[in-house]
Amino acid sequence: MTEAIYLEVTEKTEAAKKAGRRVSVSGMLKFLGVSRSGYLAWLHHVPSDTEKRREAVKAKIQDIYDDSKQNYGAPKITVELRKTG
């Protein structure tokens, strides 16, 4: 849930900048009850190798599922993943 709040803050600040308005990020975060340090940590986060690997596997699973016209379940998806490595 916190990530959704962070994304919303980022989108709103970018939209305000494009419109030529100034926006207080601190004020927005305070209103939403989120710490500024937490937001900045999220904003500058670099994904670890494990996170990257998990995202790649999720993408492969989604591709297999979509290619099967959403018919394959976990057992068949597992077989397909093992075939591809």
PDB file of N, CA and C in Angstrom:
ATOM      1  N   MET A   1       0.822  -1.188   0.000  1.00  0.00           N
ATOM      2  CA  MET A   1       0.000   0.000   0.000  1.00  0.00           C
ATOM      3  C   MET A   1       0.868   1.255   0.000  1.00  0.00           C
ATOM      4  N   THR A   2       1.944   1.214   0.749  1.00  0.00           N
ATOM      5  CA  THR A   2       2.820   2.377   0.808  1.00  0.00           C
ATOM      6  C   THR A   2       3.387   2.690  -0.571  1.00  0.00           C
ATOM      7  N   GLU A   3       3.717   1.646  -1.330  1.00  0.00           N
ATOM      8  CA  GLU A   3       4.266   1.882  -2.669  1.00  0.00           C
ATOM      9  C   GLU A   3       3.251   2.609  -3.548  1.00  0.00           C
ATOM     10  N   ALA A   4       1.982   2.278  -3.401  1.00  0.00           N
ATOM     11  CA  ALA A   4       0.939   2.961  -4.174  1.00  0.00           C
ATOM     12  C   ALA A   4       0.889   4.440  -3.811  1.00  0.00           C
ATOM     13  N   ILE A   5       1.062   4.747  -2.539  1.00  0.00           N
ATOM     14  CA  ILE A   5       1.076   6.145  -2.094  1.00  0.00           C
ATOM     15  C   ILE A   5       2.275   6.862  -2.697  1.00  0.00           C
ATOM     16  N   TYR A   6       3.439   6.209  -2.664  1.00  0.00           N
ATOM     17  CA  TYR A   6       4.645   6.813  -3.223  1.00  0.00           C
ATOM     18  C   TYR A   6       4.473   7.079  -4.718  1.00  0.00           C
ATOM     19  N   LEU A   7       3.891   6.125  -5.435  1.00  0.00           N
ATOM     20  CA  LEU A   7       3.664   6.313  -6.867  1.00  0.00           C
ATOM     21  C   LEU A   7       2.720   7.480  -7.119  1.00  0.00           C
ATOM     22  N   GLU A   8       1.688   7.587  -6.310  1.00  0.00           N
ATOM     23  CA  GLU A   8       0.723   8.684  -6.453  1.00  0.00           C
ATOM     24  C   GLU A   8       1.401  10.035  -6.232  1.00  0.00           C
ATOM     25  N   VAL A   9       2.241  10.126  -5.206  1.00  0.00           N
ATOM     26  CA  VAL A   9       2.952  11.379  -4.924  1.00  0.00           C
ATOM     27  C   VAL A   9       3.856  11.739  -6.097  1.00  0.00           C
ATOM     28  N   THR A  10       4.578  10.760  -6.615  1.00  0.00           N
ATOM     29  CA  THR A  10       5.479  11.002  -7.738  1.00  0.00           C
ATOM     30  C   THR A  10       4.706  11.477  -8.967  1.00  0.00           C
ATOM     31  N   GLU A  11       3.587  10.826  -9.265  1.00  0.00           N
ATOM     32  CA  GLU A  11       2.783  11.220 -10.426  1.00  0.00           C
ATOM     33  C   GLU A  11       2.233  12.636 -10.269  1.00  0.00           C
ATOM     34  N   LYS A  12       1.750  12.957  -9.078  1.00  0.00           N
ATOM     35  CA  LYS A  12       1.166  14.283  -8.854  1.00  0.00           C
ATOM     36  C   LYS A  12       2.224  15.380  -8.935  1.00  0.00           C
ATOM     37  N   THR A  13       3.420  15.120  -8.402  1.00  0.00           N
ATOM     38  CA  THR A  13       4.467  16.141  -8.472  1.00  0.00           C
ATOM     39  C   THR A  13       4.928  16.350  -9.913  1.00  0.00           C
ATOM     40  N   GLU A  14       5.032  15.268 -10.686  1.00  0.00           N
ATOM     41  CA  GLU A  14       5.427  15.408 -12.090  1.00  0.00           C
ATOM     42  C   GLU A  14       4.363  16.156 -12.888  1.00  0.00           C
ATOM     43  N   ALA A  15       3.094  15.868 -12.619  1.00  0.00           N
ATOM     44  CA  ALA A  15       2.006  16.563 -13.315  1.00  0.00           C
ATOM     45  C   ALA A  15       2.011  18.049 -12.969  1.00  0.00           C
ATOM     46  N   ALA A  16       2.283  18.371 -11.712  1.00  0.00           N
ATOM     47  CA  ALA A  16       2.323  19.771 -11.292  1.00  0.00           C
ATOM     48  C   ALA A  16       3.489  20.498 -11.953  1.00  0.00           C
ATOM     49  N   LYS A  17       4.637  19.829 -12.058  1.00  0.00           N
ATOM     50  CA  LYS A  17       5.796  20.446 -12.713  1.00  0.00           C
ATOM     51  C   LYS A  17       5.504  20.734 -14.184  1.00  0.00           C
ATOM     52  N   LYS A  18       4.829  19.799 -14.854  1.00  0.00           N
ATOM     53  CA  LYS A  18       4.484  20.005 -16.265  1.00  0.00           C
ATOM     54  C   LYS A  18       3.511  21.166 -16.428  1.00  0.00           C
ATOM     55  N   ALA A  19       2.641  21.353 -15.440  1.00  0.00           N
ATOM     56  CA  ALA A  19       1.658  22.438 -15.496  1.00  0.00           C
ATOM     57  C   ALA A  19       2.260  23.761 -15.044  1.00  0.00           C
ATOM     58  N   GLY A  20       3.513  23.735 -14.595  1.00  0.00           N
ATOM     59  CA  GLY A  20       4.186  24.956 -14.177  1.00  0.00           C
ATOM     60  C   GLY A  20       3.845  25.382 -12.759  1.00  0.00           C
ATOM     61  N   ARG A  21       3.298  24.468 -11.988  1.00  0.00           N
ATOM     62  CA  ARG A  21       2.964  24.788 -10.597  1.00  0.00           C
ATOM     63  C   ARG A  21       4.028  24.218  -9.673  1.00  0.00           C
ATOM     64  N   ARG A  22       4.117  24.822  -8.500  1.00  0.00           N
ATOM     65  CA  ARG A  22       5.022  24.312  -7.471  1.00  0.00           C
ATOM     66  C   ARG A  22       4.200  23.503  -6.488  1.00  0.00           C
ATOM     67  N   VAL A  23       4.763  22.390  -6.084  1.00  0.00           N
ATOM     68  CA  VAL A  23       4.064  21.499  -5.165  1.00  0.00           C
ATOM     69  C   VAL A  23       4.994  21.145  -4.021  1.00  0.00           C
ATOM     70  N   SER A  24       4.460  21.107  -2.823  1.00  0.00           N
ATOM     71  CA  SER A  24       5.242  20.728  -1.658  1.00  0.00           C
ATOM     72  C   SER A  24       5.132  19.221  -1.456  1.00  0.00           C
ATOM     73  N   VAL A  25       6.214  18.525  -1.756  1.00  0.00           N
ATOM     74  CA  VAL A  25       6.225  17.081  -1.572  1.00  0.00           C
ATOM     75  C   VAL A  25       6.079  16.758  -0.092  1.00  0.00           C
ATOM     76  N   SER A  26       6.768  17.515   0.747  1.00  0.00           N
ATOM     77  CA  SER A  26       6.678  17.283   2.191  1.00  0.00           C
ATOM     78  C   SER A  26       5.247  17.438   2.680  1.00  0.00           C
ATOM     79  N   GLY A  27       4.564  18.459   2.183  1.00  0.00           N
ATOM     80  CA  GLY A  27       3.177  18.679   2.584  1.00  0.00           C
ATOM     81  C   GLY A  27       2.274  17.539   2.150  1.00  0.00           C
ATOM     82  N   MET A  28       2.497  17.057   0.937  1.00  0.00           N
ATOM     83  CA  MET A  28       1.695  15.951   0.431  1.00  0.00           C
ATOM     84  C   MET A  28       1.944  14.684   1.251  1.00  0.00           C
ATOM     85  N   LEU A  29       3.214  14.425   1.559  1.00  0.00           N
ATOM     86  CA  LEU A  29       3.557  13.241   2.340  1.00  0.00           C
ATOM     87  C   LEU A  29       2.996  13.332   3.753  1.00  0.00           C
ATOM     88  N   LYS A  30       3.060  14.522   4.337  1.00  0.00           N
ATOM     89  CA  LYS A  30       2.527  14.718   5.684  1.00  0.00           C
ATOM     90  C   LYS A  30       1.021  14.483   5.693  1.00  0.00           C
ATOM     91  N   PHE A  31       0.331  14.988   4.683  1.00  0.00           N
ATOM     92  CA  PHE A  31      -1.116  14.803   4.568  1.00  0.00           C
ATOM     93  C   PHE A  31      -1.468  13.316   4.457  1.00  0.00           C
ATOM     94  N   LEU A  32      -0.636  12.564   3.726  1.00  0.00           N
ATOM     95  CA  LEU A  32      -0.885  11.140   3.527  1.00  0.00           C
ATOM     96  C   LEU A  32      -0.364  10.280   4.670  1.00  0.00           C
ATOM     97  N   GLY A  33       0.388  10.878   5.584  1.00  0.00           N
ATOM     98  CA  GLY A  33       0.901  10.143   6.736  1.00  0.00           C
ATOM     99  C   GLY A  33       2.096   9.264   6.423  1.00  0.00           C
ATOM    100  N   VAL A  34       2.913   9.700   5.472  1.00  0.00           N
ATOM    101  CA  VAL A  34       4.089   8.938   5.068  1.00  0.00           C
ATOM    102  C   VAL A  34       5.326   9.778   5.340  1.00  0.00           C
ATOM    103  N   SER A  35       6.396   9.127   5.802  1.00  0.00           N
ATOM    104  CA  SER A  35       7.608   9.885   6.115  1.00  0.00           C
ATOM    105  C   SER A  35       8.350  10.289   4.842  1.00  0.00           C
ATOM    106  N   ARG A  36       8.995  11.436   4.909  1.00  0.00           N
ATOM    107  CA  ARG A  36       9.773  11.922   3.768  1.00  0.00           C
ATOM    108  C   ARG A  36      10.977  11.013   3.525  1.00  0.00           C
ATOM    109  N   SER A  37      11.606  10.557   4.605  1.00  0.00           N
ATOM    110  CA  SER A  37      12.775   9.691   4.443  1.00  0.00           C
ATOM    111  C   SER A  37      12.393   8.369   3.777  1.00  0.00           C
ATOM    112  N   GLY A  38      11.226   7.831   4.123  1.00  0.00           N
ATOM    113  CA  GLY A  38      10.758   6.601   3.484  1.00  0.00           C
ATOM    114  C   GLY A  38      10.493   6.806   2.007  1.00  0.00           C
ATOM    115  N   TYR A  39       9.886   7.944   1.676  1.00  0.00           N
ATOM    116  CA  TYR A  39       9.610   8.266   0.272  1.00  0.00           C
ATOM    117  C   TYR A  39      10.911   8.411  -0.511  1.00  0.00           C
ATOM    118  N   LEU A  40      11.874   9.139   0.051  1.00  0.00           N
ATOM    119  CA  LEU A  40      13.148   9.342  -0.645  1.00  0.00           C
ATOM    120  C   LEU A  40      13.917   8.035  -0.792  1.00  0.00           C
ATOM    121  N   ALA A  41      13.839   7.164   0.227  1.00  0.00           N
ATOM    122  CA  ALA A  41      14.493   5.860   0.131  1.00  0.00           C
ATOM    123  C   ALA A  41      13.865   5.040  -0.993  1.00  0.00           C
ATOM    124  N   TRP A  42      12.540   5.085  -1.093  1.00  0.00           N
ATOM    125  CA  TRP A  42      11.839   4.363  -2.159  1.00  0.00           C
ATOM    126  C   TRP A  42      12.196   4.953  -3.525  1.00  0.00           C
ATOM    127  N   LEU A  43      12.259   6.271  -3.600  1.00  0.00           N
ATOM    128  CA  LEU A  43      12.517   6.964  -4.853  1.00  0.00           C
ATOM    129  C   LEU A  43      13.899   6.619  -5.417  1.00  0.00           C
ATOM    130  N   HIS A  44      14.890   6.467  -4.550  1.00  0.00           N
ATOM    131  CA  HIS A  44      16.268   6.224  -4.979  1.00  0.00           C
ATOM    132  C   HIS A  44      16.677   4.757  -4.861  1.00  0.00           C
ATOM    133  N   HIS A  45      15.705   3.871  -4.622  1.00  0.00           N
ATOM    134  CA  HIS A  45      15.978   2.449  -4.451  1.00  0.00           C
ATOM    135  C   HIS A  45      16.492   1.831  -5.749  1.00  0.00           C
ATOM    136  N   VAL A  46      17.550   1.048  -5.639  1.00  0.00           N
ATOM    137  CA  VAL A  46      18.089   0.308  -6.774  1.00  0.00           C
ATOM    138  C   VAL A  46      17.745  -1.164  -6.545  1.00  0.00           C
ATOM    139  N   PRO A  47      17.050  -1.797  -7.487  1.00  0.00           N
ATOM    140  CA  PRO A  47      16.649  -3.194  -7.285  1.00  0.00           C
ATOM    141  C   PRO A  47      17.859  -4.110  -7.146  1.00  0.00           C
ATOM    142  N   SER A  48      17.755  -5.061  -6.221  1.00  0.00           N
ATOM    143  CA  SER A  48      18.832  -6.028  -6.027  1.00  0.00           C
ATOM    144  C   SER A  48      18.777  -7.074  -7.139  1.00  0.00           C
ATOM    145  N   ASP A  49      19.810  -7.904  -7.212  1.00  0.00           N
ATOM    146  CA  ASP A  49      19.846  -8.962  -8.220  1.00  0.00           C
ATOM    147  C   ASP A  49      18.680  -9.927  -8.033  1.00  0.00           C
ATOM    148  N   THR A  50      18.349 -10.218  -6.774  1.00  0.00           N
ATOM    149  CA  THR A  50      17.232 -11.111  -6.482  1.00  0.00           C
ATOM    150  C   THR A  50      15.921 -10.525  -6.977  1.00  0.00           C
ATOM    151  N   GLU A  51      15.704  -9.236  -6.733  1.00  0.00           N
ATOM    152  CA  GLU A  51      14.477  -8.584  -7.209  1.00  0.00           C
ATOM    153  C   GLU A  51      14.391  -8.626  -8.732  1.00  0.00           C
ATOM    154  N   LYS A  52      15.517  -8.378  -9.398  1.00  0.00           N
ATOM    155  CA  LYS A  52      15.543  -8.412 -10.862  1.00  0.00           C
ATOM    156  C   LYS A  52      15.217  -9.810 -11.380  1.00  0.00           C
ATOM    157  N   ARG A  53      15.815 -10.827 -10.733  1.00  0.00           N
ATOM    158  CA  ARG A  53      15.584 -12.214 -11.143  1.00  0.00           C
ATOM    159  C   ARG A  53      14.124 -12.596 -10.951  1.00  0.00           C
ATOM    160  N   ARG A  54      13.544 -12.213  -9.817  1.00  0.00           N
ATOM    161  CA  ARG A  54      12.138 -12.529  -9.546  1.00  0.00           C
ATOM    162  C   ARG A  54      11.210 -11.852 -10.550  1.00  0.00           C
ATOM    163  N   GLU A  55      11.513 -10.613 -10.908  1.00  0.00           N
ATOM    164  CA  GLU A  55      10.698  -9.910 -11.903  1.00  0.00           C
ATOM    165  C   GLU A  55      10.796 -10.594 -13.265  1.00  0.00           C
ATOM    166  N   ALA A  56      11.998 -11.084 -13.611  1.00  0.00           N
ATOM    167  CA  ALA A  56      12.177 -11.778 -14.886  1.00  0.00           C
ATOM    168  C   ALA A  56      11.370 -13.078 -14.909  1.00  0.00           C
ATOM    169  N   VAL A  57      11.380 -13.809 -13.796  1.00  0.00           N
ATOM    170  CA  VAL A  57      10.610 -15.051 -13.708  1.00  0.00           C
ATOM    171  C   VAL A  57       9.115 -14.754 -13.785  1.00  0.00           C
ATOM    172  N   LYS A  58       8.675 -13.694 -13.108  1.00  0.00           N
ATOM    173  CA  LYS A  58       7.255 -13.312 -13.173  1.00  0.00           C
ATOM    174  C   LYS A  58       6.846 -12.998 -14.609  1.00  0.00           C
ATOM    175  N   ALA A  59       7.714 -12.304 -15.332  1.00  0.00           N
ATOM    176  CA  ALA A  59       7.420 -11.959 -16.726  1.00  0.00           C
ATOM    177  C   ALA A  59       7.332 -13.223 -17.587  1.00  0.00           C
ATOM    178  N   LYS A  60       8.245 -14.192 -17.356  1.00  0.00           N
ATOM    179  CA  LYS A  60       8.206 -15.449 -18.107  1.00  0.00           C
ATOM    180  C   LYS A  60       6.913 -16.205 -17.820  1.00  0.00           C
ATOM    181  N   ILE A  61       6.527 -16.245 -16.544  1.00  0.00           N
ATOM    182  CA  ILE A  61       5.290 -16.925 -16.157  1.00  0.00           C
ATOM    183  C   ILE A  61       4.098 -16.273 -16.842  1.00  0.00           C
ATOM    184  N   GLN A  62       4.055 -14.961 -16.847  1.00  0.00           N
ATOM    185  CA  GLN A  62       2.948 -14.251 -17.487  1.00  0.00           C
ATOM    186  C   GLN A  62       2.915 -14.526 -18.988  1.00  0.00           C
ATOM    187  N   ASP A  63       4.093 -14.569 -19.629  1.00  0.00           N
ATOM    188  CA  ASP A  63       4.159 -14.857 -21.064  1.00  0.00           C
ATOM    189  C   ASP A  63       3.643 -16.264 -21.374  1.00  0.00           C
ATOM    190  N   ILE A  64       4.072 -17.246 -20.568  1.00  0.00           N
ATOM    191  CA  ILE A  64       3.616 -18.622 -20.768  1.00  0.00           C
ATOM    192  C   ILE A  64       2.103 -18.703 -20.589  1.00  0.00           C
ATOM    193  N   TYR A  65       1.607 -18.052 -19.566  1.00  0.00           N
ATOM    194  CA  TYR A  65       0.166 -18.052 -19.284  1.00  0.00           C
ATOM    195  C   TYR A  65      -0.613 -17.409 -20.428  1.00  0.00           C
ATOM    196  N   ASP A  66      -0.120 -16.290 -20.926  1.00  0.00           N
ATOM    197  CA  ASP A  66      -0.796 -15.604 -22.031  1.00  0.00           C
ATOM    198  C   ASP A  66      -0.713 -16.406 -23.333  1.00  0.00           C
ATOM    199  N   ASP A  67       0.454 -17.025 -23.594  1.00  0.00           N
ATOM    200  CA  ASP A  67       0.619 -17.833 -24.805  1.00  0.00           C
ATOM    201  C   ASP A  67      -0.303 -19.051 -24.806  1.00  0.00           C
ATOM    202  N   SER A  68      -0.645 -19.546 -23.619  1.00  0.00           N
ATOM    203  CA  SER A  68      -1.541 -20.705 -23.514  1.00  0.00           C
ATOM    204  C   SER A  68      -3.006 -20.280 -23.551  1.00  0.00           C
ATOM    205  N   LYS A  69      -3.240 -19.014 -23.852  1.00  0.00           N
ATOM    206  CA  LYS A  69      -4.592 -18.433 -23.859  1.00  0.00           C
ATOM    207  C   LYS A  69      -5.259 -18.595 -22.495  1.00  0.00           C
ATOM    208  N   GLN A  70      -4.450 -18.465 -21.469  1.00  0.00           N
ATOM    209  CA  GLN A  70      -4.882 -18.501 -20.067  1.00  0.00           C
ATOM    210  C   GLN A  70      -5.480 -19.849 -19.676  1.00  0.00           C
ATOM    211  N   ASN A  71      -4.940 -20.917 -20.279  1.00  0.00           N
ATOM    212  CA  ASN A  71      -5.410 -22.265 -19.961  1.00  0.00           C
ATOM    213  C   ASN A  71      -4.483 -23.006 -19.012  1.00  0.00           C
ATOM    214  N   TYR A  72      -3.190 -22.707 -19.049  1.00  0.00           N
ATOM    215  CA  TYR A  72      -2.229 -23.430 -18.227  1.00  0.00           C
ATOM    216  C   TYR A  72      -2.349 -23.020 -16.772  1.00  0.00           C
ATOM    217  N   GLY A  73      -2.200 -24.021 -15.914  1.00  0.00           N
ATOM    218  CA  GLY A  73      -2.140 -23.767 -14.488  1.00  0.00           C
ATOM    219  C   GLY A  73      -0.704 -23.901 -14.018  1.00  0.00           C
ATOM    220  N   ALA A  74      -0.522 -23.943 -12.710  1.00  0.00           N
ATOM    221  CA  ALA A  74       0.821 -23.994 -12.131  1.00  0.00           C
ATOM    222  C   ALA A  74       1.634 -25.200 -12.599  1.00  0.00           C
ATOM    223  N   PRO A  75       1.063 -26.416 -12.654  1.00  0.00           N
ATOM    224  CA  PRO A  75       1.891 -27.558 -13.074  1.00  0.00           C
ATOM    225  C   PRO A  75       2.441 -27.419 -14.497  1.00  0.00           C
ATOM    226  N   LYS A  76       1.599 -27.018 -15.438  1.00  0.00           N
ATOM    227  CA  LYS A  76       2.060 -26.887 -16.826  1.00  0.00           C
ATOM    228  C   LYS A  76       3.016 -25.712 -16.989  1.00  0.00           C
ATOM    229  N   ILE A  77       2.770 -24.638 -16.276  1.00  0.00           N
ATOM    230  CA  ILE A  77       3.683 -23.491 -16.341  1.00  0.00           C
ATOM    231  C   ILE A  77       5.049 -23.888 -15.801  1.00  0.00           C
ATOM    232  N   THR A  78       5.063 -24.695 -14.733  1.00  0.00           N
ATOM    233  CA  THR A  78       6.324 -25.168 -14.157  1.00  0.00           C
ATOM    234  C   THR A  78       7.090 -26.007 -15.172  1.00  0.00           C
ATOM    235  N   VAL A  79       6.382 -26.894 -15.875  1.00  0.00           N
ATOM    236  CA  VAL A  79       7.023 -27.726 -16.900  1.00  0.00           C
ATOM    237  C   VAL A  79       7.631 -26.844 -17.988  1.00  0.00           C
ATOM    238  N   GLU A  80       6.887 -25.851 -18.443  1.00  0.00           N
ATOM    239  CA  GLU A  80       7.385 -24.943 -19.483  1.00  0.00           C
ATOM    240  C   GLU A  80       8.600 -24.151 -19.001  1.00  0.00           C
ATOM    241  N   LEU A  81       8.563 -23.696 -17.760  1.00  0.00           N
ATOM    242  CA  LEU A  81       9.706 -22.953 -17.209  1.00  0.00           C
ATOM    243  C   LEU A  81      10.947 -23.829 -17.150  1.00  0.00           C
ATOM    244  N   ARG A  82      10.770 -25.081 -16.766  1.00  0.00           N
ATOM    245  CA  ARG A  82      11.919 -25.989 -16.671  1.00  0.00           C
ATOM    246  C   ARG A  82      12.484 -26.318 -18.045  1.00  0.00           C
ATOM    247  N   LYS A  83      11.622 -26.357 -19.060  1.00  0.00           N
ATOM    248  CA  LYS A  83      12.102 -26.601 -20.424  1.00  0.00           C
ATOM    249  C   LYS A  83      13.013 -25.467 -20.889  1.00  0.00           C
ATOM    250  N   THR A  84      12.605 -24.232 -20.578  1.00  0.00           N
ATOM    251  CA  THR A  84      13.368 -23.075 -21.044  1.00  0.00           C
ATOM    252  C   THR A  84      14.555 -22.762 -20.153  1.00  0.00           C
ATOM    253  N   GLY A  85      14.539 -23.285 -18.956  1.00  0.00           N
ATOM    254  CA  GLY A  85      15.677 -23.068 -18.067  1.00  0.00           C
ATOM    255  C   GLY A  85      15.441 -22.017 -17.132  1.00  0.00           C
TER     256      GLY A  85
END
